[in-house]
Amino acid sequence: MSIKTVSAEQLKRIENAMKNAPKIDGPLSVGDAIRKLSGGIKSMRAKGHSWQQIADVLRMEGITISAETLRRYVTPKSTAKRTAGGGGSA
């Protein structure tokens, strides 16, 4: 069996190629999409829109998500526990 080697120069070229490789954009998961849209979602909440109304807007654009799942994605875990039952202020 032959042992293959890689020179230090080759290794540097490979590292640079990997480091400088462009990001490949592809479809996002629903969770990633919601995280990217979180600023707009929070703005709608601040204007008085319900989670269901926001979920309806997303659904019209092809993102099917329940109001509860949307709330879970956008609300920090510590706050989500307080507001899950509707007991917290929004």
N, C-alpha and C. Protein backbone atom coordinates (compact mmCIF):
# COMPACT_ATOMS: atom_id res chain seq x y z
N MET A 1 0.84 -1.17 0.00
CA MET A 1 0.00 0.00 0.00
C MET A 1 0.90 1.24 0.00
N SER A 2 0.54 2.20 -0.85
CA SER A 2 1.36 3.41 -0.92
C SER A 2 0.80 4.48 0.02
N ILE A 3 1.71 5.25 0.59
CA ILE A 3 1.32 6.34 1.49
C ILE A 3 1.30 7.62 0.69
N LYS A 4 0.14 8.29 0.70
CA LYS A 4 0.02 9.56 -0.02
C LYS A 4 0.36 10.68 0.94
N THR A 5 1.03 11.66 0.41
CA THR A 5 1.42 12.80 1.24
C THR A 5 0.87 14.09 0.64
N VAL A 6 0.80 15.09 1.46
CA VAL A 6 0.35 16.42 1.05
C VAL A 6 1.39 17.40 1.53
N SER A 7 1.86 18.23 0.61
CA SER A 7 2.88 19.20 0.99
C SER A 7 2.25 20.35 1.78
N ALA A 8 3.08 21.07 2.51
CA ALA A 8 2.61 22.22 3.28
C ALA A 8 1.99 23.25 2.35
N GLU A 9 2.57 23.43 1.17
CA GLU A 9 2.04 24.39 0.19
C GLU A 9 0.65 23.96 -0.28
N GLN A 10 0.47 22.68 -0.57
CA GLN A 10 -0.83 22.17 -0.98
C GLN A 10 -1.86 22.37 0.13
N LEU A 11 -1.45 22.10 1.35
CA LEU A 11 -2.34 22.24 2.49
C LEU A 11 -2.80 23.68 2.64
N LYS A 12 -1.88 24.64 2.47
CA LYS A 12 -2.25 26.06 2.56
C LYS A 12 -3.23 26.44 1.46
N ARG A 13 -2.98 25.94 0.23
CA ARG A 13 -3.90 26.23 -0.87
C ARG A 13 -5.29 25.66 -0.59
N ILE A 14 -5.33 24.46 -0.07
CA ILE A 14 -6.61 23.83 0.24
C ILE A 14 -7.33 24.60 1.34
N GLU A 15 -6.61 24.97 2.40
CA GLU A 15 -7.21 25.74 3.49
C GLU A 15 -7.76 27.07 2.99
N ASN A 16 -6.99 27.77 2.14
CA ASN A 16 -7.45 29.04 1.59
C ASN A 16 -8.68 28.85 0.70
N ALA A 17 -8.67 27.80 -0.10
CA ALA A 17 -9.82 27.54 -0.96
C ALA A 17 -11.07 27.28 -0.13
N MET A 18 -10.93 26.53 0.95
CA MET A 18 -12.08 26.24 1.82
C MET A 18 -12.54 27.48 2.56
N LYS A 19 -11.58 28.27 3.04
CA LYS A 19 -11.91 29.47 3.79
C LYS A 19 -12.61 30.50 2.90
N ASN A 20 -12.20 30.59 1.63
CA ASN A 20 -12.74 31.59 0.72
C ASN A 20 -13.89 31.07 -0.15
N ALA A 21 -14.32 29.84 0.08
CA ALA A 21 -15.43 29.30 -0.71
C ALA A 21 -16.69 30.11 -0.42
N PRO A 22 -17.42 30.46 -1.46
CA PRO A 22 -18.64 31.25 -1.23
C PRO A 22 -19.71 30.42 -0.54
N LYS A 23 -20.56 31.12 0.19
CA LYS A 23 -21.69 30.45 0.83
C LYS A 23 -22.70 30.11 -0.25
N ILE A 24 -23.22 28.92 -0.18
CA ILE A 24 -24.22 28.49 -1.16
C ILE A 24 -25.58 28.66 -0.51
N ASP A 25 -26.38 29.53 -1.12
CA ASP A 25 -27.72 29.77 -0.60
C ASP A 25 -28.66 28.71 -1.15
N GLY A 26 -29.45 28.18 -0.29
CA GLY A 26 -30.44 27.19 -0.67
C GLY A 26 -31.71 27.47 0.07
N PRO A 27 -32.67 26.59 -0.06
CA PRO A 27 -33.92 26.80 0.67
C PRO A 27 -33.66 26.77 2.18
N LEU A 28 -34.42 27.57 2.89
CA LEU A 28 -34.30 27.63 4.35
C LEU A 28 -35.35 26.73 4.98
N SER A 29 -35.05 26.22 6.15
CA SER A 29 -36.08 25.52 6.92
C SER A 29 -37.07 26.57 7.41
N VAL A 30 -38.24 26.14 7.81
CA VAL A 30 -39.23 27.08 8.34
C VAL A 30 -38.65 27.81 9.55
N GLY A 31 -37.97 27.06 10.42
CA GLY A 31 -37.37 27.69 11.61
C GLY A 31 -36.37 28.77 11.25
N ASP A 32 -35.51 28.49 10.26
CA ASP A 32 -34.53 29.49 9.84
C ASP A 32 -35.22 30.70 9.23
N ALA A 33 -36.26 30.46 8.44
CA ALA A 33 -37.01 31.57 7.84
C ALA A 33 -37.63 32.45 8.93
N ILE A 34 -38.21 31.82 9.93
CA ILE A 34 -38.84 32.58 11.02
C ILE A 34 -37.79 33.39 11.77
N ARG A 35 -36.63 32.79 12.01
CA ARG A 35 -35.56 33.54 12.70
C ARG A 35 -35.13 34.75 11.86
N LYS A 36 -35.05 34.60 10.54
CA LYS A 36 -34.67 35.73 9.70
C LYS A 36 -35.76 36.80 9.66
N LEU A 37 -37.00 36.38 9.82
CA LEU A 37 -38.13 37.32 9.80
C LEU A 37 -38.50 37.83 11.19
N SER A 38 -37.76 37.45 12.21
CA SER A 38 -38.15 37.76 13.59
C SER A 38 -38.29 39.26 13.85
N GLY A 39 -37.48 40.08 13.22
CA GLY A 39 -37.61 41.52 13.41
C GLY A 39 -38.97 42.04 12.97
N GLY A 40 -39.41 41.60 11.80
CA GLY A 40 -40.73 41.99 11.30
C GLY A 40 -41.86 41.41 12.12
N ILE A 41 -41.66 40.17 12.57
CA ILE A 41 -42.67 39.53 13.41
C ILE A 41 -42.81 40.29 14.73
N LYS A 42 -41.69 40.64 15.34
CA LYS A 42 -41.73 41.40 16.60
C LYS A 42 -42.36 42.77 16.39
N SER A 43 -42.11 43.36 15.23
CA SER A 43 -42.71 44.66 14.92
C SER A 43 -44.23 44.53 14.81
N MET A 44 -44.70 43.46 14.16
CA MET A 44 -46.14 43.23 14.07
C MET A 44 -46.75 43.02 15.46
N ARG A 45 -46.04 42.27 16.31
CA ARG A 45 -46.54 42.05 17.68
C ARG A 45 -46.64 43.38 18.43
N ALA A 46 -45.63 44.24 18.25
CA ALA A 46 -45.63 45.54 18.92
C ALA A 46 -46.79 46.41 18.45
N LYS A 47 -47.27 46.16 17.23
CA LYS A 47 -48.40 46.92 16.69
C LYS A 47 -49.74 46.29 17.06
N GLY A 48 -49.69 45.22 17.85
CA GLY A 48 -50.92 44.63 18.35
C GLY A 48 -51.43 43.40 17.61
N HIS A 49 -50.69 42.91 16.63
CA HIS A 49 -51.13 41.73 15.88
C HIS A 49 -50.96 40.48 16.74
N SER A 50 -51.92 39.56 16.62
CA SER A 50 -51.84 38.30 17.36
C SER A 50 -50.91 37.33 16.64
N TRP A 51 -50.50 36.30 17.36
CA TRP A 51 -49.67 35.26 16.74
C TRP A 51 -50.42 34.63 15.57
N GLN A 52 -51.75 34.46 15.73
CA GLN A 52 -52.54 33.86 14.65
C GLN A 52 -52.56 34.75 13.41
N GLN A 53 -52.69 36.05 13.61
CA GLN A 53 -52.70 36.97 12.47
C GLN A 53 -51.36 36.93 11.73
N ILE A 54 -50.28 36.84 12.46
CA ILE A 54 -48.95 36.77 11.84
C ILE A 54 -48.79 35.43 11.11
N ALA A 55 -49.25 34.35 11.75
CA ALA A 55 -49.19 33.04 11.10
C ALA A 55 -50.01 33.05 9.81
N ASP A 56 -51.13 33.76 9.81
CA ASP A 56 -51.96 33.86 8.59
C ASP A 56 -51.22 34.59 7.48
N VAL A 57 -50.50 35.65 7.83
CA VAL A 57 -49.70 36.38 6.83
C VAL A 57 -48.64 35.44 6.24
N LEU A 58 -47.96 34.71 7.11
CA LEU A 58 -46.94 33.76 6.64
C LEU A 58 -47.57 32.69 5.75
N ARG A 59 -48.73 32.18 6.15
CA ARG A 59 -49.41 31.15 5.38
C ARG A 59 -49.77 31.65 3.98
N MET A 60 -50.18 32.92 3.88
CA MET A 60 -50.51 33.49 2.56
C MET A 60 -49.27 33.54 1.65
N GLU A 61 -48.09 33.56 2.27
CA GLU A 61 -46.84 33.58 1.51
C GLU A 61 -46.23 32.19 1.36
N GLY A 62 -46.96 31.16 1.78
CA GLY A 62 -46.50 29.80 1.56
C GLY A 62 -45.78 29.15 2.73
N ILE A 63 -45.71 29.83 3.87
CA ILE A 63 -45.07 29.25 5.05
C ILE A 63 -46.18 28.81 5.99
N THR A 64 -46.41 27.52 6.06
CA THR A 64 -47.46 26.98 6.92
C THR A 64 -46.89 26.73 8.30
N ILE A 65 -47.43 27.46 9.27
CA ILE A 65 -46.97 27.35 10.64
C ILE A 65 -48.12 27.71 11.56
N SER A 66 -48.25 27.01 12.67
CA SER A 66 -49.32 27.34 13.62
C SER A 66 -48.89 28.56 14.44
N ALA A 67 -49.87 29.22 15.01
CA ALA A 67 -49.58 30.38 15.85
C ALA A 67 -48.70 29.98 17.04
N GLU A 68 -48.98 28.81 17.62
CA GLU A 68 -48.21 28.36 18.78
C GLU A 68 -46.76 28.06 18.41
N THR A 69 -46.54 27.41 17.27
CA THR A 69 -45.18 27.11 16.84
C THR A 69 -44.43 28.40 16.51
N LEU A 70 -45.10 29.33 15.88
CA LEU A 70 -44.51 30.64 15.58
C LEU A 70 -44.07 31.31 16.87
N ARG A 71 -44.95 31.32 17.86
CA ARG A 71 -44.63 31.95 19.14
C ARG A 71 -43.40 31.29 19.77
N ARG A 72 -43.32 29.98 19.69
CA ARG A 72 -42.18 29.27 20.26
C ARG A 72 -40.87 29.64 19.57
N TYR A 73 -40.91 29.81 18.25
CA TYR A 73 -39.69 30.18 17.52
C TYR A 73 -39.22 31.58 17.89
N VAL A 74 -40.16 32.50 18.10
CA VAL A 74 -39.81 33.91 18.27
C VAL A 74 -39.60 34.30 19.73
N THR A 75 -40.30 33.66 20.66
CA THR A 75 -40.24 34.02 22.06
C THR A 75 -39.09 33.30 22.75
N PRO A 76 -38.23 34.03 23.47
CA PRO A 76 -37.17 33.38 24.24
C PRO A 76 -37.78 32.36 25.21
N LYS A 77 -37.05 31.28 25.47
CA LYS A 77 -37.59 30.18 26.29
C LYS A 77 -38.08 30.64 27.65
N SER A 78 -37.36 31.51 28.33
CA SER A 78 -37.79 31.93 29.66
C SER A 78 -39.10 32.70 29.59
N THR A 79 -39.29 33.51 28.56
CA THR A 79 -40.53 34.26 28.38
C THR A 79 -41.64 33.34 27.90
N ALA A 80 -41.31 32.38 27.04
CA ALA A 80 -42.31 31.47 26.50
C ALA A 80 -42.99 30.70 27.61
N LYS A 81 -42.26 30.30 28.64
CA LYS A 81 -42.84 29.55 29.74
C LYS A 81 -43.86 30.41 30.48
N ARG A 82 -43.58 31.71 30.62
CA ARG A 82 -44.51 32.60 31.33
C ARG A 82 -45.74 32.90 30.50
N THR A 83 -45.60 32.98 29.15
CA THR A 83 -46.70 33.42 28.31
C THR A 83 -47.46 32.26 27.66
N ALA A 84 -47.02 31.04 27.83
CA ALA A 84 -47.66 29.90 27.18
C ALA A 84 -49.13 29.80 27.55
N GLY A 85 -49.44 30.03 28.78
CA GLY A 85 -50.83 29.94 29.22
C GLY A 85 -51.57 31.25 29.08
N GLY A 86 -50.93 32.26 28.54
CA GLY A 86 -51.56 33.56 28.36
C GLY A 86 -51.51 34.41 29.62
N GLY A 87 -50.77 33.97 30.64
CA GLY A 87 -50.73 34.69 31.91
C GLY A 87 -49.82 35.89 31.90
N GLY A 88 -48.91 35.98 30.95
CA GLY A 88 -47.98 37.11 30.92
C GLY A 88 -48.54 38.26 30.13
N SER A 89 -47.90 39.40 30.21
CA SER A 89 -48.33 40.54 29.40
C SER A 89 -47.56 40.55 28.10
N ALA A 90 -48.25 40.95 27.03
CA ALA A 90 -47.60 40.93 25.71
C ALA A 90 -47.36 42.29 25.19
